[in-house]
């Protein structure tokens, strides 16, 4: 739903990099190159970015009970 503030495995702060990553990928840059330049070297942090699906817009209209 929302990118986690820290990587689940290593604890590195990653949330501040998400918007920059999305902007650059949407412009057509290679994901690997962008992650390298943002400093995401560990595979655990990279999987957070590669596997993330933005669902907040789909879930937001629904209310809790």
N, C-alpha and C. Protein backbone atom coordinates (compact mmCIF):
# COMPACT_ATOMS: atom_id res chain seq x y z
N UNK A 1 0.83 -1.19 0.00
CA UNK A 1 0.00 0.00 0.00
C UNK A 1 0.87 1.25 0.00
N UNK A 2 1.59 1.48 1.07
CA UNK A 2 2.49 2.62 1.15
C UNK A 2 3.88 2.06 1.37
N UNK A 3 4.86 2.61 0.72
CA UNK A 3 6.23 2.11 0.85
C UNK A 3 6.64 2.19 2.32
N UNK A 4 7.25 1.14 2.86
CA UNK A 4 7.66 1.18 4.27
C UNK A 4 8.76 2.21 4.50
N UNK A 5 8.80 2.75 5.70
CA UNK A 5 9.81 3.75 6.03
C UNK A 5 11.19 3.14 6.03
N UNK A 6 11.30 1.95 6.57
CA UNK A 6 12.58 1.24 6.63
C UNK A 6 12.45 -0.11 5.93
N UNK A 7 13.57 -0.61 5.45
CA UNK A 7 13.61 -1.94 4.84
C UNK A 7 13.29 -2.95 5.94
N UNK A 8 12.46 -3.94 5.62
CA UNK A 8 12.08 -4.94 6.61
C UNK A 8 13.25 -5.79 7.07
N UNK A 9 14.21 -6.02 6.21
CA UNK A 9 15.32 -6.92 6.54
C UNK A 9 16.48 -6.22 7.24
N UNK A 10 16.97 -5.14 6.65
CA UNK A 10 18.20 -4.53 7.17
C UNK A 10 17.95 -3.26 7.98
N UNK A 11 16.78 -2.65 7.85
CA UNK A 11 16.46 -1.46 8.62
C UNK A 11 16.90 -0.14 8.02
N UNK A 12 17.42 -0.17 6.81
CA UNK A 12 17.86 1.07 6.16
C UNK A 12 16.65 1.93 5.79
N UNK A 13 16.67 3.24 6.07
CA UNK A 13 15.57 4.12 5.66
C UNK A 13 15.49 4.20 4.14
N UNK A 14 14.31 3.90 3.58
CA UNK A 14 14.15 3.88 2.13
C UNK A 14 12.98 4.73 1.63
N UNK A 15 12.08 5.14 2.51
CA UNK A 15 10.86 5.83 2.08
C UNK A 15 11.15 7.15 1.38
N UNK A 16 12.19 7.85 1.79
CA UNK A 16 12.48 9.16 1.19
C UNK A 16 12.96 9.03 -0.25
N UNK A 17 13.34 7.83 -0.67
CA UNK A 17 13.82 7.60 -2.03
C UNK A 17 12.71 7.22 -3.01
N UNK A 18 11.55 6.88 -2.51
CA UNK A 18 10.47 6.34 -3.33
C UNK A 18 10.00 7.31 -4.41
N UNK A 19 9.72 8.56 -4.05
CA UNK A 19 9.19 9.52 -5.03
C UNK A 19 10.20 9.80 -6.15
N UNK A 20 11.46 9.94 -5.78
CA UNK A 20 12.50 10.15 -6.79
C UNK A 20 12.60 8.96 -7.72
N UNK A 21 12.51 7.76 -7.16
CA UNK A 21 12.57 6.53 -7.95
C UNK A 21 11.42 6.48 -8.95
N UNK A 22 10.22 6.74 -8.50
CA UNK A 22 9.04 6.67 -9.38
C UNK A 22 9.13 7.73 -10.48
N UNK A 23 9.52 8.95 -10.14
CA UNK A 23 9.62 10.01 -11.15
C UNK A 23 10.60 9.63 -12.25
N UNK A 24 11.74 9.11 -11.86
CA UNK A 24 12.77 8.78 -12.84
C UNK A 24 12.40 7.57 -13.69
N UNK A 25 11.74 6.59 -13.09
CA UNK A 25 11.33 5.40 -13.85
C UNK A 25 10.22 5.76 -14.84
N UNK A 26 9.30 6.64 -14.43
CA UNK A 26 8.23 7.06 -15.33
C UNK A 26 8.76 7.86 -16.51
N UNK A 27 9.90 8.52 -16.32
CA UNK A 27 10.53 9.26 -17.43
C UNK A 27 11.20 8.32 -18.42
N UNK A 28 11.38 7.05 -18.02
CA UNK A 28 11.94 6.08 -18.93
C UNK A 28 13.33 5.58 -18.58
N UNK A 29 13.86 5.98 -17.43
CA UNK A 29 15.18 5.51 -17.04
C UNK A 29 15.13 4.05 -16.60
N UNK A 30 16.26 3.39 -16.69
CA UNK A 30 16.37 1.99 -16.29
C UNK A 30 16.28 1.88 -14.77
N UNK A 31 15.47 0.94 -14.27
CA UNK A 31 15.28 0.77 -12.83
C UNK A 31 16.58 0.45 -12.11
N UNK A 32 17.41 -0.38 -12.71
CA UNK A 32 18.67 -0.76 -12.08
C UNK A 32 19.58 0.45 -11.91
N UNK A 33 19.67 1.26 -12.94
CA UNK A 33 20.52 2.44 -12.90
C UNK A 33 20.03 3.42 -11.83
N UNK A 34 18.72 3.61 -11.77
CA UNK A 34 18.15 4.54 -10.79
C UNK A 34 18.42 4.06 -9.37
N UNK A 35 18.22 2.78 -9.11
CA UNK A 35 18.46 2.24 -7.77
C UNK A 35 19.93 2.34 -7.39
N UNK A 36 20.81 2.11 -8.34
CA UNK A 36 22.25 2.26 -8.07
C UNK A 36 22.59 3.70 -7.70
N UNK A 37 22.04 4.65 -8.42
CA UNK A 37 22.34 6.06 -8.16
C UNK A 37 21.71 6.56 -6.86
N UNK A 38 20.59 5.96 -6.45
CA UNK A 38 19.96 6.35 -5.19
C UNK A 38 20.63 5.70 -3.98
N UNK A 39 21.52 4.76 -4.22
CA UNK A 39 22.25 4.13 -3.12
C UNK A 39 21.61 2.86 -2.59
N UNK A 40 20.70 2.28 -3.35
CA UNK A 40 20.08 1.01 -2.95
C UNK A 40 20.95 -0.12 -3.46
N UNK A 41 21.85 -0.60 -2.59
CA UNK A 41 22.81 -1.61 -3.00
C UNK A 41 22.40 -3.01 -2.56
N UNK A 42 21.75 -3.11 -1.41
CA UNK A 42 21.38 -4.43 -0.89
C UNK A 42 20.16 -4.97 -1.61
N UNK A 43 20.13 -6.28 -1.79
CA UNK A 43 19.02 -6.89 -2.52
C UNK A 43 17.71 -6.77 -1.75
N UNK A 44 17.78 -6.72 -0.41
CA UNK A 44 16.55 -6.62 0.37
C UNK A 44 15.87 -5.27 0.14
N UNK A 45 16.64 -4.21 0.06
CA UNK A 45 16.07 -2.88 -0.20
C UNK A 45 15.55 -2.78 -1.63
N UNK A 46 16.27 -3.38 -2.55
CA UNK A 46 15.86 -3.35 -3.96
C UNK A 46 14.54 -4.09 -4.17
N UNK A 47 14.35 -5.19 -3.45
CA UNK A 47 13.10 -5.93 -3.60
C UNK A 47 11.91 -5.15 -3.08
N UNK A 48 12.14 -4.29 -2.08
CA UNK A 48 11.05 -3.44 -1.59
C UNK A 48 10.55 -2.52 -2.72
N UNK A 49 11.47 -2.01 -3.50
CA UNK A 49 11.11 -1.10 -4.59
C UNK A 49 10.55 -1.86 -5.79
N UNK A 50 11.12 -3.00 -6.10
CA UNK A 50 10.68 -3.76 -7.27
C UNK A 50 9.32 -4.43 -7.04
N UNK A 51 9.05 -4.83 -5.82
CA UNK A 51 7.82 -5.56 -5.53
C UNK A 51 6.68 -4.71 -5.02
N UNK A 52 6.91 -3.42 -4.87
CA UNK A 52 5.87 -2.55 -4.30
C UNK A 52 4.78 -2.26 -5.32
N UNK A 53 3.52 -2.35 -4.88
CA UNK A 53 2.37 -2.03 -5.72
C UNK A 53 1.58 -0.94 -5.00
N UNK A 54 1.34 0.15 -5.65
CA UNK A 54 0.64 1.28 -5.05
C UNK A 54 -0.86 1.02 -5.06
N UNK A 55 -1.42 0.68 -3.90
CA UNK A 55 -2.83 0.35 -3.78
C UNK A 55 -3.63 1.39 -2.99
N UNK A 56 -2.99 2.41 -2.49
CA UNK A 56 -3.67 3.37 -1.62
C UNK A 56 -4.85 4.04 -2.32
N UNK A 57 -4.74 4.32 -3.61
CA UNK A 57 -5.84 4.96 -4.32
C UNK A 57 -7.04 4.02 -4.48
N UNK A 58 -6.79 2.71 -4.54
CA UNK A 58 -7.87 1.74 -4.66
C UNK A 58 -8.57 1.49 -3.33
N UNK A 59 -7.84 1.58 -2.24
CA UNK A 59 -8.37 1.24 -0.92
C UNK A 59 -8.96 2.45 -0.22
N UNK A 60 -8.51 3.64 -0.52
CA UNK A 60 -8.92 4.86 0.18
C UNK A 60 -10.43 5.10 0.21
N UNK A 61 -11.20 4.78 -0.83
CA UNK A 61 -12.64 5.05 -0.77
C UNK A 61 -13.41 4.22 0.26
N UNK A 62 -12.85 3.12 0.72
CA UNK A 62 -13.56 2.23 1.63
C UNK A 62 -13.35 2.66 3.09
N UNK A 63 -14.40 2.51 3.89
CA UNK A 63 -14.32 2.87 5.30
C UNK A 63 -14.17 1.62 6.14
N UNK A 64 -13.63 1.81 7.36
CA UNK A 64 -13.60 0.72 8.31
C UNK A 64 -14.99 0.55 8.90
N UNK A 65 -15.25 -0.57 9.52
CA UNK A 65 -16.57 -0.83 10.13
C UNK A 65 -16.82 0.04 11.32
